[in-house]
C-alpha atoms as a PDB file:
ATOM      1  CA  MET A   1     165.980 118.627 145.928  1.00  0.00           C
ATOM      2  CA  LYS A   2     167.473 115.759 143.990  1.00  0.00           C
ATOM      3  CA  TYR A   3     165.980 114.735 140.675  1.00  0.00           C
ATOM      4  CA  ILE A   4     164.642 111.192 140.853  1.00  0.00           C
ATOM      5  CA  LYS A   5     164.143 109.279 137.629  1.00  0.00           C
ATOM      6  CA  LEU A   6     160.867 107.555 137.008  1.00  0.00           C
ATOM      7  CA  TYR A   7     161.144 103.778 136.763  1.00  0.00           C
ATOM      8  CA  GLU A   8     160.227 103.868 133.055  1.00  0.00           C
ATOM      9  CA  GLU A   9     162.917 106.502 132.383  1.00  0.00           C
ATOM     10  CA  PHE A  10     165.467 104.308 134.150  1.00  0.00           C
ATOM     11  CA  LEU A  11     164.541 101.289 132.051  1.00  0.00           C
ATOM     12  CA  ASN A  12     164.675 103.270 128.808  1.00  0.00           C
ATOM     13  CA  GLU A  13     167.877 105.192 129.400  1.00  0.00           C
ATOM     14  CA  SER A  14     169.733 103.471 126.555  1.00  0.00           C
ATOM     15  CA  ILE A  15     166.978 104.402 124.077  1.00  0.00           C
ATOM     16  CA  GLU A  16     167.086 107.874 122.572  1.00  0.00           C
ATOM     17  CA  MET A  17     163.964 108.938 120.707  1.00  0.00           C
ATOM     18  CA  ARG A  18     164.411 111.092 117.586  1.00  0.00           C
ATOM     19  CA  THR A  19     163.574 114.762 117.943  1.00  0.00           C
ATOM     20  CA  SER A  20     163.171 117.798 115.689  1.00  0.00           C
ATOM     21  CA  ILE A  21     162.644 121.461 116.424  1.00  0.00           C
ATOM     22  CA  VAL A  22     159.804 122.999 114.414  1.00  0.00           C
ATOM     23  CA  ASN A  23     158.973 126.697 114.931  1.00  0.00           C
ATOM     24  CA  GLY A  24     160.969 126.677 118.167  1.00  0.00           C
ATOM     25  CA  LYS A  25     159.038 123.719 119.567  1.00  0.00           C
ATOM     26  CA  LYS A  26     160.818 120.434 120.322  1.00  0.00           C
ATOM     27  CA  LEU A  27     158.979 117.441 118.868  1.00  0.00           C
ATOM     28  CA  GLU A  28     159.738 113.848 119.842  1.00  0.00           C
ATOM     29  CA  SER A  29     158.893 110.821 117.734  1.00  0.00           C
ATOM     30  CA  ASN A  30     156.843 108.122 119.402  1.00  0.00           C
ATOM     31  CA  TRP A  31     158.533 105.379 117.347  1.00  0.00           C
ATOM     32  CA  ALA A  32     161.811 106.552 115.716  1.00  0.00           C
ATOM     33  CA  GLY A  33     164.974 106.432 117.775  1.00  0.00           C
ATOM     34  CA  ALA A  34     168.294 104.800 118.503  1.00  0.00           C
ATOM     35  CA  ALA A  35     169.569 102.303 121.051  1.00  0.00           C
ATOM     36  CA  ASP A  36     173.017 101.260 122.139  1.00  0.00           C
ATOM     37  CA  ASN A  37     172.144  97.571 122.416  1.00  0.00           C
ATOM     38  CA  LEU A  38     170.111  94.996 120.520  1.00  0.00           C
ATOM     39  CA  LYS A  39     167.701  94.226 123.374  1.00  0.00           C
ATOM     40  CA  ASP A  40     166.520  97.841 123.623  1.00  0.00           C
ATOM     41  CA  PHE A  41     166.475  98.241 119.853  1.00  0.00           C
ATOM     42  CA  ILE A  42     164.061  95.327 119.585  1.00  0.00           C
ATOM     43  CA  LYS A  43     161.714  97.298 121.890  1.00  0.00           C
ATOM     44  CA  LEU A  44     161.811 100.167 119.383  1.00  0.00           C
ATOM     45  CA  ILE A  45     161.016  97.813 116.511  1.00  0.00           C
ATOM     46  CA  GLU A  46     158.117  96.316 118.449  1.00  0.00           C
ATOM     47  CA  GLY A  47     156.719  99.845 118.849  1.00  0.00           C
ATOM     48  CA  LEU A  48     156.508 100.521 115.098  1.00  0.00           C
ATOM     49  CA  PRO A  49     153.060 101.742 114.067  1.00  0.00           C
ATOM     50  CA  GLU A  50     151.132  99.404 111.795  1.00  0.00           C
ATOM     51  CA  THR A  51     150.537 102.396 109.511  1.00  0.00           C
ATOM     52  CA  ILE A  52     154.208 102.796 108.497  1.00  0.00           C
ATOM     53  CA  LYS A  53     154.467 102.829 104.682  1.00  0.00           C
ATOM     54  CA  SER A  54     157.571 100.620 104.596  1.00  0.00           C
ATOM     55  CA  VAL A  55     160.764  99.751 106.484  1.00  0.00           C
ATOM     56  CA  LYS A  56     164.135  99.341 104.773  1.00  0.00           C
ATOM     57  CA  VAL A  57     166.402  97.164 106.902  1.00  0.00           C
ATOM     58  CA  GLN A  58     170.163  97.217 106.394  1.00  0.00           C
ATOM     59  CA  THR A  59     171.211  93.601 105.920  1.00  0.00           C
ATOM     60  CA  GLY A  60     174.756  94.087 104.600  1.00  0.00           C
ATOM     61  CA  THR A  61     177.903  95.039 106.500  1.00  0.00           C
ATOM     62  CA  SER A  62     179.484  97.318 103.882  1.00  0.00           C
ATOM     63  CA  ASN A  63     180.295 100.888 104.941  1.00  0.00           C
ATOM     64  CA  PHE A  64     179.204 102.185 101.543  1.00  0.00           C
ATOM     65  CA  ASN A  65     175.793 101.387 100.082  1.00  0.00           C
ATOM     66  CA  PRO A  66     175.076  98.253 102.146  1.00  0.00           C
ATOM     67  CA  GLU A  67     172.453  95.739 101.080  1.00  0.00           C
ATOM     68  CA  GLN A  68     168.918  96.366 102.350  1.00  0.00           C
ATOM     69  CA  GLU A  69     165.623  94.541 102.441  1.00  0.00           C
ATOM     70  CA  GLU A  70     162.338  96.442 102.257  1.00  0.00           C
ATOM     71  CA  ILE A  71     159.227  95.374 104.142  1.00  0.00           C
ATOM     72  CA  LYS A  72     156.069  97.060 102.831  1.00  0.00           C
ATOM     73  CA  GLY A  73     153.313  98.253 105.153  1.00  0.00           C
ATOM     74  CA  PRO A  74     150.937  97.904 106.756  1.00  0.00           C
ATOM     75  CA  ILE A  75     153.354  96.433 109.321  1.00  0.00           C
ATOM     76  CA  LYS A  76     151.846  93.345 110.942  1.00  0.00           C
ATOM     77  CA  SER A  77     153.226  91.258 113.806  1.00  0.00           C
ATOM     78  CA  SER A  78     154.727  88.798 111.304  1.00  0.00           C
ATOM     79  CA  ASP A  79     156.562  91.731 109.668  1.00  0.00           C
ATOM     80  CA  ILE A  80     157.872  92.847 113.073  1.00  0.00           C
ATOM     81  CA  LYS A  81     159.239  89.337 113.651  1.00  0.00           C
ATOM     82  CA  LYS A  82     160.891  89.373 110.221  1.00  0.00           C
ATOM     83  CA  ILE A  83     162.458  92.791 110.868  1.00  0.00           C
ATOM     84  CA  ILE A  84     163.821  91.599 114.230  1.00  0.00           C
ATOM     85  CA  LYS A  85     165.267  88.492 112.569  1.00  0.00           C
ATOM     86  CA  LEU A  86     166.960  90.623 109.870  1.00  0.00           C
ATOM     87  CA  VAL A  87     168.463  92.915 112.533  1.00  0.00           C
ATOM     88  CA  LYS A  88     169.713  89.953 114.597  1.00  0.00           C
ATOM     89  CA  ASN A  89     171.254  88.411 111.470  1.00  0.00           C
ATOM     90  CA  ALA A  90     172.985  91.704 110.633  1.00  0.00           C
ATOM     91  CA  ASP A  91     174.336  91.927 114.183  1.00  0.00           C
ATOM     92  CA  LYS A  92     175.754  88.395 113.836  1.00  0.00           C
ATOM     93  CA  ALA A  93     177.282  89.265 110.448  1.00  0.00           C
ATOM     94  CA  PHE A  94     179.020  92.329 111.907  1.00  0.00           C
ATOM     95  CA  ASN A  95     180.299  90.236 114.838  1.00  0.00           C
ATOM     96  CA  LYS A  96     181.584  87.579 112.428  1.00  0.00           C
ATOM     97  CA  LYS A  97     183.481  90.375 110.642  1.00  0.00           C
ATOM     98  CA  GLY A  98     185.029  91.385 113.964  1.00  0.00           C
ATOM     99  CA  GLU A  99     182.949  94.569 114.305  1.00  0.00           C
ATOM    100  CA  THR A 100     180.521  95.634 116.989  1.00  0.00           C
ATOM    101  CA  ILE A 101     177.429  97.713 116.339  1.00  0.00           C
ATOM    102  CA  HIS A 102     177.555 100.554 118.878  1.00  0.00           C
ATOM    103  CA  THR A 103     174.303 102.221 117.759  1.00  0.00           C
ATOM    104  CA  PHE A 104     171.173 100.719 116.219  1.00  0.00           C
ATOM    105  CA  GLU A 105     169.026 103.355 114.474  1.00  0.00           C
ATOM    106  CA  LEU A 106     165.359 103.370 113.425  1.00  0.00           C
ATOM    107  CA  ASN A 107     164.563 106.544 111.485  1.00  0.00           C
ATOM    108  CA  SER A 108     161.874 108.129 109.374  1.00  0.00           C
ATOM    109  CA  PHE A 109     162.907 109.185 105.871  1.00  0.00           C
ATOM    110  CA  PHE A 110     161.140 112.516 106.598  1.00  0.00           C
ATOM    111  CA  GLY A 111     162.329 113.220 110.155  1.00  0.00           C
ATOM    112  CA  VAL A 112     159.994 113.988 113.036  1.00  0.00           C
ATOM    113  CA  SER A 113     156.848 115.834 111.980  1.00  0.00           C
ATOM    114  CA  SER A 114     154.507 118.080 113.911  1.00  0.00           C
ATOM    115  CA  ASN A 115     151.695 116.049 112.333  1.00  0.00           C
ATOM    116  CA  ALA A 116     151.718 112.829 114.376  1.00  0.00           C
ATOM    117  CA  GLU A 117     149.270 111.058 112.040  1.00  0.00           C
ATOM    118  CA  LYS A 118     151.452 111.786 109.003  1.00  0.00           C
ATOM    119  CA  HIS A 119     154.615 110.785 110.899  1.00  0.00           C
ATOM    120  CA  ALA A 120     152.996 107.414 111.667  1.00  0.00           C
ATOM    121  CA  THR A 121     152.722 106.739 107.903  1.00  0.00           C
ATOM    122  CA  ASP A 122     156.263 107.800 106.935  1.00  0.00           C
ATOM    123  CA  PRO A 123     158.569 105.249 105.352  1.00  0.00           C
ATOM    124  CA  ALA A 124     161.309 104.179 107.780  1.00  0.00           C
ATOM    125  CA  TYR A 125     164.779 102.715 107.643  1.00  0.00           C
ATOM    126  CA  ILE A 126     167.091 100.810 109.968  1.00  0.00           C
ATOM    127  CA  GLN A 127     170.845 101.309 109.922  1.00  0.00           C
ATOM    128  CA  TYR A 128     173.764 100.554 112.215  1.00  0.00           C
ATOM    129  CA  ARG A 129     176.792 102.488 113.407  1.00  0.00           C
ATOM    130  CA  THR A 130     180.146 100.814 113.896  1.00  0.00           C
ATOM    131  CA  LYS A 131     183.612 102.165 114.615  1.00  0.00           C
ATOM    132  CA  SER A 132     184.807 101.432 111.054  1.00  0.00           C
ATOM    133  CA  GLY A 133     181.647 102.952 109.565  1.00  0.00           C
ATOM    134  CA  ASP A 134     182.135 106.129 111.596  1.00  0.00           C
ATOM    135  CA  GLN A 135     185.775 106.305 110.426  1.00  0.00           C
ATOM    136  CA  PHE A 136     184.706 105.802 106.789  1.00  0.00           C
ATOM    137  CA  ALA A 137     182.194 108.672 107.114  1.00  0.00           C
ATOM    138  CA  LYS A 138     184.873 110.906 108.653  1.00  0.00           C
ATOM    139  CA  ASP A 139     187.339 110.025 105.854  1.00  0.00           C
ATOM    140  CA  MET A 140     184.750 110.695 103.145  1.00  0.00           C
ATOM    141  CA  SER A 141     183.768 114.062 104.590  1.00  0.00           C
ATOM    142  CA  SER A 142     187.425 115.120 104.880  1.00  0.00           C
ATOM    143  CA  GLY A 143     188.087 114.274 101.215  1.00  0.00           C
ATOM    144  CA  LYS A 144     190.556 111.498 102.058  1.00  0.00           C
ATOM    145  CA  HIS A 145     189.098 109.297  99.283  1.00  0.00           C
ATOM    146  CA  GLY A 146     188.865 112.140  96.767  1.00  0.00           C
ATOM    147  CA  PRO A 147     186.074 114.590  95.938  1.00  0.00           C
ATOM    148  CA  LEU A 148     182.476 113.572  96.556  1.00  0.00           C
ATOM    149  CA  ASP A 149     181.260 114.800  93.149  1.00  0.00           C
END
């Protein structure tokens, strides 16, 4: 028998929700994840719980310590709109620099928790992955730019 995807699974195939394994059990976040395009990433942002403590949004294009803007919770619809605008502006800034964001990430500072209520109050952050950023990370981990300490 062939596996048939549900319609919702088909629509969400470019969104990957964050997972953790706790005591051998796989846990999936209901709000943290990554997307390979801006349209799907906006869906993730729109699904942020109001109870999130804060969201730090990367606004700069630097590979090392980029600028960020923090939005404090509770997260209201006006905050969601502001976060989306910041992400769209960052995407434009990367494009202007000649870079393409290949992964948009929305993460919890504490990972995925087995306590869903606590996870819904975690502080969050948004960051982006680009080809040059991935190369910078690879170079840093290999020691190409000298020791990390």
